[in-house]
Amino acid sequence: MSGMVLDRTISRFGKDFVFYFSSYWREVPSTDGVTIVVYEQIYPQAGTFLWVELDQRRIYQNYFGRRQNDVKQMAEQAILIAVDELVKIKTEEWFGAESTF
């Protein structure tokens, strides 16, 4: 099974973020066994705090005010960070396995 993106958001903004993020994530190779979870905390009359975890490590977080934000651009930024973290994890797996020989 390919990597999964779990949606723990509650607002329309959060759902839109997950939509864009997951559409990008499907295109990333070597995501087998990797789980992404997107969380959201809403602060009434202040905005939304959203964060992304990859294998239980927080890799992206951002506070979004009440005004319109470019959700697609924010998802693109988050996916770049997620891909970078995925490369780090895969590199650790590969070199960790080689160093035991």
PDB file of N, CA and C in Angstrom:
ATOM      1  N   MET A   1       0.839  -1.171   0.000  1.00  0.00           N
ATOM      2  CA  MET A   1       0.000   0.000   0.000  1.00  0.00           C
ATOM      3  C   MET A   1       0.887   1.238   0.000  1.00  0.00           C
ATOM      4  N   SER A   2       0.493   2.201  -0.748  1.00  0.00           N
ATOM      5  CA  SER A   2       1.226   3.457  -0.812  1.00  0.00           C
ATOM      6  C   SER A   2       1.010   4.245   0.469  1.00  0.00           C
ATOM      7  N   GLY A   3       1.765   5.322   0.642  1.00  0.00           N
ATOM      8  CA  GLY A   3       1.640   6.147   1.831  1.00  0.00           C
ATOM      9  C   GLY A   3       0.253   6.736   1.967  1.00  0.00           C
ATOM     10  N   MET A   4      -0.157   6.953   3.209  1.00  0.00           N
ATOM     11  CA  MET A   4      -1.498   7.464   3.468  1.00  0.00           C
ATOM     12  C   MET A   4      -1.430   8.875   4.016  1.00  0.00           C
ATOM     13  N   VAL A   5      -2.439   9.662   3.703  1.00  0.00           N
ATOM     14  CA  VAL A   5      -2.615  10.991   4.274  1.00  0.00           C
ATOM     15  C   VAL A   5      -3.906  10.953   5.071  1.00  0.00           C
ATOM     16  N   LEU A   6      -3.790  11.125   6.382  1.00  0.00           N
ATOM     17  CA  LEU A   6      -4.960  11.117   7.248  1.00  0.00           C
ATOM     18  C   LEU A   6      -5.381  12.549   7.535  1.00  0.00           C
ATOM     19  N   ASP A   7      -6.654  12.795   7.463  1.00  0.00           N
ATOM     20  CA  ASP A   7      -7.213  14.136   7.625  1.00  0.00           C
ATOM     21  C   ASP A   7      -7.810  14.290   9.017  1.00  0.00           C
ATOM     22  N   ARG A   8      -7.180  15.119   9.836  1.00  0.00           N
ATOM     23  CA  ARG A   8      -7.687  15.425  11.168  1.00  0.00           C
ATOM     24  C   ARG A   8      -8.052  16.910  11.251  1.00  0.00           C
ATOM     25  N   THR A   9      -8.508  17.450  10.132  1.00  0.00           N
ATOM     26  CA  THR A   9      -8.900  18.853  10.093  1.00  0.00           C
ATOM     27  C   THR A   9     -10.411  18.959  10.252  1.00  0.00           C
ATOM     28  N   ILE A  10     -10.877  20.170  10.571  1.00  0.00           N
ATOM     29  CA  ILE A  10     -12.307  20.334  10.813  1.00  0.00           C
ATOM     30  C   ILE A  10     -12.933  21.483  10.035  1.00  0.00           C
ATOM     31  N   SER A  11     -12.145  22.382   9.509  1.00  0.00           N
ATOM     32  CA  SER A  11     -12.701  23.526   8.795  1.00  0.00           C
ATOM     33  C   SER A  11     -12.577  23.332   7.278  1.00  0.00           C
ATOM     34  N   ARG A  12     -13.257  24.178   6.553  1.00  0.00           N
ATOM     35  CA  ARG A  12     -13.152  24.138   5.097  1.00  0.00           C
ATOM     36  C   ARG A  12     -11.716  24.435   4.669  1.00  0.00           C
ATOM     37  N   PHE A  13     -11.079  25.385   5.339  1.00  0.00           N
ATOM     38  CA  PHE A  13      -9.693  25.712   5.034  1.00  0.00           C
ATOM     39  C   PHE A  13      -8.808  24.475   5.195  1.00  0.00           C
ATOM     40  N   GLY A  14      -8.969  23.763   6.300  1.00  0.00           N
ATOM     41  CA  GLY A  14      -8.183  22.556   6.542  1.00  0.00           C
ATOM     42  C   GLY A  14      -8.448  21.485   5.509  1.00  0.00           C
ATOM     43  N   LYS A  15      -9.705  21.308   5.152  1.00  0.00           N
ATOM     44  CA  LYS A  15     -10.071  20.304   4.145  1.00  0.00           C
ATOM     45  C   LYS A  15      -9.465  20.648   2.785  1.00  0.00           C
ATOM     46  N   ASP A  16      -9.469  21.943   2.437  1.00  0.00           N
ATOM     47  CA  ASP A  16      -8.847  22.360   1.176  1.00  0.00           C
ATOM     48  C   ASP A  16      -7.346  22.094   1.196  1.00  0.00           C
ATOM     49  N   PHE A  17      -6.699  22.382   2.324  1.00  0.00           N
ATOM     50  CA  PHE A  17      -5.267  22.131   2.467  1.00  0.00           C
ATOM     51  C   PHE A  17      -4.972  20.649   2.258  1.00  0.00           C
ATOM     52  N   VAL A  18      -5.751  19.785   2.901  1.00  0.00           N
ATOM     53  CA  VAL A  18      -5.545  18.330   2.770  1.00  0.00           C
ATOM     54  C   VAL A  18      -5.792  17.881   1.333  1.00  0.00           C
ATOM     55  N   PHE A  19      -6.774  18.446   0.669  1.00  0.00           N
ATOM     56  CA  PHE A  19      -7.053  18.096  -0.721  1.00  0.00           C
ATOM     57  C   PHE A  19      -5.833  18.358  -1.595  1.00  0.00           C
ATOM     58  N   TYR A  20      -5.282  19.569  -1.505  1.00  0.00           N
ATOM     59  CA  TYR A  20      -4.116  19.902  -2.322  1.00  0.00           C
ATOM     60  C   TYR A  20      -2.898  19.081  -1.903  1.00  0.00           C
ATOM     61  N   PHE A  21      -2.676  18.970  -0.602  1.00  0.00           N
ATOM     62  CA  PHE A  21      -1.511  18.231  -0.115  1.00  0.00           C
ATOM     63  C   PHE A  21      -1.557  16.772  -0.565  1.00  0.00           C
ATOM     64  N   SER A  22      -2.693  16.126  -0.394  1.00  0.00           N
ATOM     65  CA  SER A  22      -2.784  14.704  -0.751  1.00  0.00           C
ATOM     66  C   SER A  22      -2.674  14.487  -2.256  1.00  0.00           C
ATOM     67  N   SER A  23      -3.149  15.446  -3.044  1.00  0.00           N
ATOM     68  CA  SER A  23      -3.008  15.292  -4.499  1.00  0.00           C
ATOM     69  C   SER A  23      -1.536  15.356  -4.903  1.00  0.00           C
ATOM     70  N   TYR A  24      -0.746  16.183  -4.229  1.00  0.00           N
ATOM     71  CA  TYR A  24       0.696  16.220  -4.491  1.00  0.00           C
ATOM     72  C   TYR A  24       1.367  14.956  -3.948  1.00  0.00           C
ATOM     73  N   TRP A  25       0.956  14.506  -2.775  1.00  0.00           N
ATOM     74  CA  TRP A  25       1.586  13.360  -2.122  1.00  0.00           C
ATOM     75  C   TRP A  25       1.442  12.090  -2.961  1.00  0.00           C
ATOM     76  N   ARG A  26       0.328  11.947  -3.667  1.00  0.00           N
ATOM     77  CA  ARG A  26       0.121  10.763  -4.513  1.00  0.00           C
ATOM     78  C   ARG A  26       1.165  10.644  -5.603  1.00  0.00           C
ATOM     79  N   GLU A  27       1.749  11.754  -6.003  1.00  0.00           N
ATOM     80  CA  GLU A  27       2.741  11.767  -7.078  1.00  0.00           C
ATOM     81  C   GLU A  27       4.162  11.484  -6.587  1.00  0.00           C
ATOM     82  N   VAL A  28       4.360  11.448  -5.278  1.00  0.00           N
ATOM     83  CA  VAL A  28       5.696  11.232  -4.717  1.00  0.00           C
ATOM     84  C   VAL A  28       5.991   9.736  -4.709  1.00  0.00           C
ATOM     85  N   PRO A  29       7.122   9.321  -5.287  1.00  0.00           N
ATOM     86  CA  PRO A  29       7.465   7.890  -5.269  1.00  0.00           C
ATOM     87  C   PRO A  29       8.027   7.468  -3.910  1.00  0.00           C
ATOM     88  N   SER A  30       8.041   6.185  -3.660  1.00  0.00           N
ATOM     89  CA  SER A  30       8.638   5.579  -2.458  1.00  0.00           C
ATOM     90  C   SER A  30       7.980   6.040  -1.170  1.00  0.00           C
ATOM     91  N   THR A  31       6.659   6.099  -1.176  1.00  0.00           N
ATOM     92  CA  THR A  31       5.950   6.484   0.048  1.00  0.00           C
ATOM     93  C   THR A  31       5.334   5.283   0.753  1.00  0.00           C
ATOM     94  N   ASP A  32       5.733   4.080   0.361  1.00  0.00           N
ATOM     95  CA  ASP A  32       5.186   2.874   0.972  1.00  0.00           C
ATOM     96  C   ASP A  32       5.453   2.873   2.468  1.00  0.00           C
ATOM     97  N   GLY A  33       4.399   2.669   3.241  1.00  0.00           N
ATOM     98  CA  GLY A  33       4.534   2.567   4.681  1.00  0.00           C
ATOM     99  C   GLY A  33       4.703   3.893   5.405  1.00  0.00           C
ATOM    100  N   VAL A  34       4.647   5.002   4.701  1.00  0.00           N
ATOM    101  CA  VAL A  34       4.807   6.320   5.315  1.00  0.00           C
ATOM    102  C   VAL A  34       3.423   6.920   5.537  1.00  0.00           C
ATOM    103  N   THR A  35       3.170   7.374   6.748  1.00  0.00           N
ATOM    104  CA  THR A  35       1.880   7.956   7.072  1.00  0.00           C
ATOM    105  C   THR A  35       2.026   9.443   7.353  1.00  0.00           C
ATOM    106  N   ILE A  36       1.195  10.226   6.709  1.00  0.00           N
ATOM    107  CA  ILE A  36       1.127  11.670   6.916  1.00  0.00           C
ATOM    108  C   ILE A  36      -0.199  11.962   7.610  1.00  0.00           C
ATOM    109  N   VAL A  37      -0.157  12.773   8.662  1.00  0.00           N
ATOM    110  CA  VAL A  37      -1.378  13.189   9.339  1.00  0.00           C
ATOM    111  C   VAL A  37      -1.400  14.712   9.375  1.00  0.00           C
ATOM    112  N   VAL A  38      -2.522  15.286   8.963  1.00  0.00           N
ATOM    113  CA  VAL A  38      -2.696  16.740   8.974  1.00  0.00           C
ATOM    114  C   VAL A  38      -3.675  17.078  10.097  1.00  0.00           C
ATOM    115  N   TYR A  39      -3.213  17.895  11.041  1.00  0.00           N
ATOM    116  CA  TYR A  39      -4.017  18.302  12.193  1.00  0.00           C
ATOM    117  C   TYR A  39      -4.352  19.784  12.089  1.00  0.00           C
ATOM    118  N   GLU A  40      -5.443  20.154  12.757  1.00  0.00           N
ATOM    119  CA  GLU A  40      -5.857  21.547  12.745  1.00  0.00           C
ATOM    120  C   GLU A  40      -6.446  21.908  14.111  1.00  0.00           C
ATOM    121  N   GLN A  41      -6.070  23.065  14.597  1.00  0.00           N
ATOM    122  CA  GLN A  41      -6.659  23.619  15.820  1.00  0.00           C
ATOM    123  C   GLN A  41      -7.212  24.994  15.463  1.00  0.00           C
ATOM    124  N   ILE A  42      -8.496  25.197  15.710  1.00  0.00           N
ATOM    125  CA  ILE A  42      -9.124  26.470  15.386  1.00  0.00           C
ATOM    126  C   ILE A  42      -9.197  27.330  16.644  1.00  0.00           C
ATOM    127  N   TYR A  43      -8.806  28.586  16.486  1.00  0.00           N
ATOM    128  CA  TYR A  43      -8.907  29.561  17.555  1.00  0.00           C
ATOM    129  C   TYR A  43      -9.954  30.588  17.129  1.00  0.00           C
ATOM    130  N   PRO A  44     -11.136  30.571  17.773  1.00  0.00           N
ATOM    131  CA  PRO A  44     -12.208  31.467  17.356  1.00  0.00           C
ATOM    132  C   PRO A  44     -11.753  32.933  17.318  1.00  0.00           C
ATOM    133  N   GLN A  45     -12.121  33.594  16.278  1.00  0.00           N
ATOM    134  CA  GLN A  45     -11.823  34.994  16.019  1.00  0.00           C
ATOM    135  C   GLN A  45     -10.333  35.297  15.928  1.00  0.00           C
ATOM    136  N   ALA A  46      -9.509  34.275  15.821  1.00  0.00           N
ATOM    137  CA  ALA A  46      -8.067  34.496  15.680  1.00  0.00           C
ATOM    138  C   ALA A  46      -7.506  33.799  14.449  1.00  0.00           C
ATOM    139  N   GLY A  47      -7.978  32.613  14.148  1.00  0.00           N
ATOM    140  CA  GLY A  47      -7.467  31.903  12.990  1.00  0.00           C
ATOM    141  C   GLY A  47      -7.320  30.418  13.237  1.00  0.00           C
ATOM    142  N   THR A  48      -6.472  29.806  12.462  1.00  0.00           N
ATOM    143  CA  THR A  48      -6.263  28.362  12.485  1.00  0.00           C
ATOM    144  C   THR A  48      -4.779  28.040  12.610  1.00  0.00           C
ATOM    145  N   PHE A  49      -4.479  27.065  13.455  1.00  0.00           N
ATOM    146  CA  PHE A  49      -3.124  26.535  13.554  1.00  0.00           C
ATOM    147  C   PHE A  49      -3.169  25.154  12.928  1.00  0.00           C
ATOM    148  N   LEU A  50      -2.351  24.932  11.908  1.00  0.00           N
ATOM    149  CA  LEU A  50      -2.346  23.685  11.169  1.00  0.00           C
ATOM    150  C   LEU A  50      -0.947  23.105  11.193  1.00  0.00           C
ATOM    151  N   TRP A  51      -0.845  21.788  11.392  1.00  0.00           N
ATOM    152  CA  TRP A  51       0.462  21.153  11.350  1.00  0.00           C
ATOM    153  C   TRP A  51       0.375  19.790  10.678  1.00  0.00           C
ATOM    154  N   VAL A  52       1.528  19.357  10.148  1.00  0.00           N
ATOM    155  CA  VAL A  52       1.631  18.100   9.417  1.00  0.00           C
ATOM    156  C   VAL A  52       2.667  17.239  10.111  1.00  0.00           C
ATOM    157  N   GLU A  53       2.318  15.983  10.345  1.00  0.00           N
ATOM    158  CA  GLU A  53       3.247  15.018  10.941  1.00  0.00           C
ATOM    159  C   GLU A  53       3.530  13.905   9.948  1.00  0.00           C
ATOM    160  N   LEU A  54       4.794  13.520   9.851  1.00  0.00           N
ATOM    161  CA  LEU A  54       5.230  12.413   9.013  1.00  0.00           C
ATOM    162  C   LEU A  54       5.830  11.377   9.944  1.00  0.00           C
ATOM    163  N   ASP A  55       5.226  10.213  10.002  1.00  0.00           N
ATOM    164  CA  ASP A  55       5.646   9.158  10.926  1.00  0.00           C
ATOM    165  C   ASP A  55       5.818   9.697  12.343  1.00  0.00           C
ATOM    166  N   GLN A  56       4.824  10.425  12.811  1.00  0.00           N
ATOM    167  CA  GLN A  56       4.734  10.970  14.165  1.00  0.00           C
ATOM    168  C   GLN A  56       5.790  12.026  14.480  1.00  0.00           C
ATOM    169  N   ARG A  57       6.382  12.618  13.445  1.00  0.00           N
ATOM    170  CA  ARG A  57       7.318  13.742  13.636  1.00  0.00           C
ATOM    171  C   ARG A  57       6.719  14.966  12.968  1.00  0.00           C
ATOM    172  N   ARG A  58       6.595  16.047  13.725  1.00  0.00           N
ATOM    173  CA  ARG A  58       6.034  17.273  13.159  1.00  0.00           C
ATOM    174  C   ARG A  58       7.035  17.857  12.181  1.00  0.00           C
ATOM    175  N   ILE A  59       6.592  18.008  10.939  1.00  0.00           N
ATOM    176  CA  ILE A  59       7.508  18.503   9.906  1.00  0.00           C
ATOM    177  C   ILE A  59       7.098  19.866   9.373  1.00  0.00           C
ATOM    178  N   TYR A  60       5.845  20.253   9.593  1.00  0.00           N
ATOM    179  CA  TYR A  60       5.360  21.529   9.076  1.00  0.00           C
ATOM    180  C   TYR A  60       4.303  22.059  10.033  1.00  0.00           C
ATOM    181  N   GLN A  61       4.365  23.346  10.284  1.00  0.00           N
ATOM    182  CA  GLN A  61       3.315  23.990  11.064  1.00  0.00           C
ATOM    183  C   GLN A  61       3.202  25.432  10.615  1.00  0.00           C
ATOM    184  N   ASN A  62       1.989  25.940  10.702  1.00  0.00           N
ATOM    185  CA  ASN A  62       1.770  27.311  10.283  1.00  0.00           C
ATOM    186  C   ASN A  62       0.488  27.817  10.919  1.00  0.00           C
ATOM    187  N   TYR A  63       0.498  29.093  11.243  1.00  0.00           N
ATOM    188  CA  TYR A  63      -0.686  29.760  11.757  1.00  0.00           C
ATOM    189  C   TYR A  63      -1.305  30.548  10.608  1.00  0.00           C
ATOM    190  N   PHE A  64      -2.588  30.402  10.436  1.00  0.00           N
ATOM    191  CA  PHE A  64      -3.293  31.096   9.377  1.00  0.00           C
ATOM    192  C   PHE A  64      -4.332  32.003  10.010  1.00  0.00           C
ATOM    193  N   GLY A  65      -4.250  33.276   9.704  1.00  0.00           N
ATOM    194  CA  GLY A  65      -5.216  34.230  10.230  1.00  0.00           C
ATOM    195  C   GLY A  65      -6.595  34.009   9.641  1.00  0.00           C
ATOM    196  N   ARG A  66      -7.511  34.867  10.023  1.00  0.00           N
ATOM    197  CA  ARG A  66      -8.893  34.724   9.571  1.00  0.00           C
ATOM    198  C   ARG A  66      -9.076  35.148   8.128  1.00  0.00           C
ATOM    199  N   ARG A  67      -8.190  35.940   7.623  1.00  0.00           N
ATOM    200  CA  ARG A  67      -8.321  36.404   6.236  1.00  0.00           C
ATOM    201  C   ARG A  67      -7.956  35.277   5.274  1.00  0.00           C
ATOM    202  N   GLN A  68      -8.360  35.439   4.033  1.00  0.00           N
ATOM    203  CA  GLN A  68      -8.077  34.441   3.015  1.00  0.00           C
ATOM    204  C   GLN A  68      -6.568  34.231   2.862  1.00  0.00           C
ATOM    205  N   ASN A  69      -6.175  33.000   2.797  1.00  0.00           N
ATOM    206  CA  ASN A  69      -4.790  32.622   2.548  1.00  0.00           C
ATOM    207  C   ASN A  69      -4.751  31.785   1.268  1.00  0.00           C
ATOM    208  N   ASP A  70      -3.608  31.764   0.628  1.00  0.00           N
ATOM    209  CA  ASP A  70      -3.446  30.938  -0.564  1.00  0.00           C
ATOM    210  C   ASP A  70      -3.164  29.501  -0.109  1.00  0.00           C
ATOM    211  N   VAL A  71      -4.219  28.726   0.039  1.00  0.00           N
ATOM    212  CA  VAL A  71      -4.133  27.369   0.566  1.00  0.00           C
ATOM    213  C   VAL A  71      -3.273  26.491  -0.330  1.00  0.00           C
ATOM    214  N   LYS A  72      -3.421  26.637  -1.627  1.00  0.00           N
ATOM    215  CA  LYS A  72      -2.660  25.810  -2.563  1.00  0.00           C
ATOM    216  C   LYS A  72      -1.160  26.066  -2.410  1.00  0.00           C
ATOM    217  N   GLN A  73      -0.770  27.317  -2.275  1.00  0.00           N
ATOM    218  CA  GLN A  73       0.646  27.657  -2.099  1.00  0.00           C
ATOM    219  C   GLN A  73       1.174  27.094  -0.774  1.00  0.00           C
ATOM    220  N   MET A  74       0.377  27.151   0.262  1.00  0.00           N
ATOM    221  CA  MET A  74       0.789  26.612   1.564  1.00  0.00           C
ATOM    222  C   MET A  74       0.957  25.086   1.486  1.00  0.00           C
ATOM    223  N   ALA A  75       0.075  24.415   0.761  1.00  0.00           N
ATOM    224  CA  ALA A  75       0.184  22.970   0.582  1.00  0.00           C
ATOM    225  C   ALA A  75       1.430  22.619  -0.224  1.00  0.00           C
ATOM    226  N   GLU A  76       1.749  23.442  -1.219  1.00  0.00           N
ATOM    227  CA  GLU A  76       2.966  23.212  -2.002  1.00  0.00           C
ATOM    228  C   GLU A  76       4.206  23.351  -1.119  1.00  0.00           C
ATOM    229  N   GLN A  77       4.209  24.341  -0.256  1.00  0.00           N
ATOM    230  CA  GLN A  77       5.331  24.520   0.667  1.00  0.00           C
ATOM    231  C   GLN A  77       5.446  23.308   1.602  1.00  0.00           C
ATOM    232  N   ALA A  78       4.325  22.850   2.112  1.00  0.00           N
ATOM    233  CA  ALA A  78       4.329  21.702   3.024  1.00  0.00           C
ATOM    234  C   ALA A  78       4.786  20.430   2.322  1.00  0.00           C
ATOM    235  N   ILE A  79       4.400  20.231   1.063  1.00  0.00           N
ATOM    236  CA  ILE A  79       4.800  19.014   0.359  1.00  0.00           C
ATOM    237  C   ILE A  79       6.291  19.003   0.088  1.00  0.00           C
ATOM    238  N   LEU A  80       6.874  20.162  -0.194  1.00  0.00           N
ATOM    239  CA  LEU A  80       8.326  20.224  -0.383  1.00  0.00           C
ATOM    240  C   LEU A  80       9.064  19.840   0.891  1.00  0.00           C
ATOM    241  N   ILE A  81       8.568  20.299   2.015  1.00  0.00           N
ATOM    242  CA  ILE A  81       9.175  19.937   3.300  1.00  0.00           C
ATOM    243  C   ILE A  81       8.989  18.446   3.566  1.00  0.00           C
ATOM    244  N   ALA A  82       7.804  17.912   3.255  1.00  0.00           N
ATOM    245  CA  ALA A  82       7.539  16.490   3.466  1.00  0.00           C
ATOM    246  C   ALA A  82       8.443  15.617   2.606  1.00  0.00           C
ATOM    247  N   VAL A  83       8.652  16.009   1.362  1.00  0.00           N
ATOM    248  CA  VAL A  83       9.541  15.243   0.479  1.00  0.00           C
ATOM    249  C   VAL A  83      10.967  15.276   1.020  1.00  0.00           C
ATOM    250  N   ASP A  84      11.404  16.419   1.495  1.00  0.00           N
ATOM    251  CA  ASP A  84      12.742  16.531   2.085  1.00  0.00           C
ATOM    252  C   ASP A  84      12.882  15.612   3.298  1.00  0.00           C
ATOM    253  N   GLU A  85      11.879  15.585   4.146  1.00  0.00           N
ATOM    254  CA  GLU A  85      11.910  14.697   5.318  1.00  0.00           C
ATOM    255  C   GLU A  85      11.871  13.230   4.905  1.00  0.00           C
ATOM    256  N   LEU A  86      11.099  12.920   3.870  1.00  0.00           N
ATOM    257  CA  LEU A  86      11.039  11.545   3.380  1.00  0.00           C
ATOM    258  C   LEU A  86      12.404  11.097   2.872  1.00  0.00           C
ATOM    259  N   VAL A  87      13.108  11.978   2.171  1.00  0.00           N
ATOM    260  CA  VAL A  87      14.459  11.665   1.697  1.00  0.00           C
ATOM    261  C   VAL A  87      15.383  11.398   2.886  1.00  0.00           C
ATOM    262  N   LYS A  88      15.280  12.209   3.927  1.00  0.00           N
ATOM    263  CA  LYS A  88      16.109  11.999   5.123  1.00  0.00           C
ATOM    264  C   LYS A  88      15.824  10.648   5.763  1.00  0.00           C
ATOM    265  N   ILE A  89      14.549  10.298   5.866  1.00  0.00           N
ATOM    266  CA  ILE A  89      14.173   9.011   6.472  1.00  0.00           C
ATOM    267  C   ILE A  89      14.696   7.849   5.642  1.00  0.00           C
ATOM    268  N   LYS A  90      14.496   7.915   4.330  1.00  0.00           N
ATOM    269  CA  LYS A  90      14.964   6.832   3.457  1.00  0.00           C
ATOM    270  C   LYS A  90      16.489   6.718   3.484  1.00  0.00           C
ATOM    271  N   THR A  91      17.182   7.855   3.537  1.00  0.00           N
ATOM    272  CA  THR A  91      18.642   7.847   3.599  1.00  0.00           C
ATOM    273  C   THR A  91      19.116   7.203   4.888  1.00  0.00           C
ATOM    274  N   GLU A  92      18.465   7.536   6.003  1.00  0.00           N
ATOM    275  CA  GLU A  92      18.817   6.917   7.286  1.00  0.00           C
ATOM    276  C   GLU A  92      18.596   5.417   7.248  1.00  0.00           C
ATOM    277  N   GLU A  93      17.486   4.979   6.604  1.00  0.00           N
ATOM    278  CA  GLU A  93      17.220   3.550   6.493  1.00  0.00           C
ATOM    279  C   GLU A  93      18.300   2.858   5.668  1.00  0.00           C
ATOM    280  N   TRP A  94      18.665   3.443   4.554  1.00  0.00           N
ATOM    281  CA  TRP A  94      19.644   2.819   3.676  1.00  0.00           C
ATOM    282  C   TRP A  94      21.030   2.787   4.303  1.00  0.00           C
ATOM    283  N   PHE A  95      21.487   3.909   4.818  1.00  0.00           N
ATOM    284  CA  PHE A  95      22.824   3.945   5.385  1.00  0.00           C
ATOM    285  C   PHE A  95      22.886   3.236   6.733  1.00  0.00           C
ATOM    286  N   GLY A  96      21.794   3.247   7.462  1.00  0.00           N
ATOM    287  CA  GLY A  96      21.753   2.505   8.722  1.00  0.00           C
ATOM    288  C   GLY A  96      21.883   1.007   8.474  1.00  0.00           C
ATOM    289  N   ALA A  97      21.231   0.534   7.417  1.00  0.00           N
ATOM    290  CA  ALA A  97      21.297  -0.889   7.066  1.00  0.00           C
ATOM    291  C   ALA A  97      22.692  -1.252   6.584  1.00  0.00           C
ATOM    292  N   GLU A  98      23.358  -0.363   5.839  1.00  0.00           N
ATOM    293  CA  GLU A  98      24.692  -0.652   5.316  1.00  0.00           C
ATOM    294  C   GLU A  98      25.732  -0.654   6.430  1.00  0.00           C
ATOM    295  N   SER A  99      25.550   0.216   7.426  1.00  0.00           N
ATOM    296  CA  SER A  99      26.573   0.322   8.470  1.00  0.00           C
ATOM    297  C   SER A  99      26.588  -0.875   9.398  1.00  0.00           C
ATOM    298  N   THR A 100      25.548  -1.741   9.357  1.00  0.00           N
ATOM    299  CA  THR A 100      25.514  -2.906  10.241  1.00  0.00           C
ATOM    300  C   THR A 100      26.283  -4.088   9.662  1.00  0.00           C
ATOM    301  N   PHE A 101      26.709  -4.012   8.412  1.00  0.00           N
ATOM    302  CA  PHE A 101      27.429  -5.132   7.792  1.00  0.00           C
ATOM    303  C   PHE A 101      28.843  -5.194   8.276  1.00  0.00           C
TER     304      PHE A 101
END
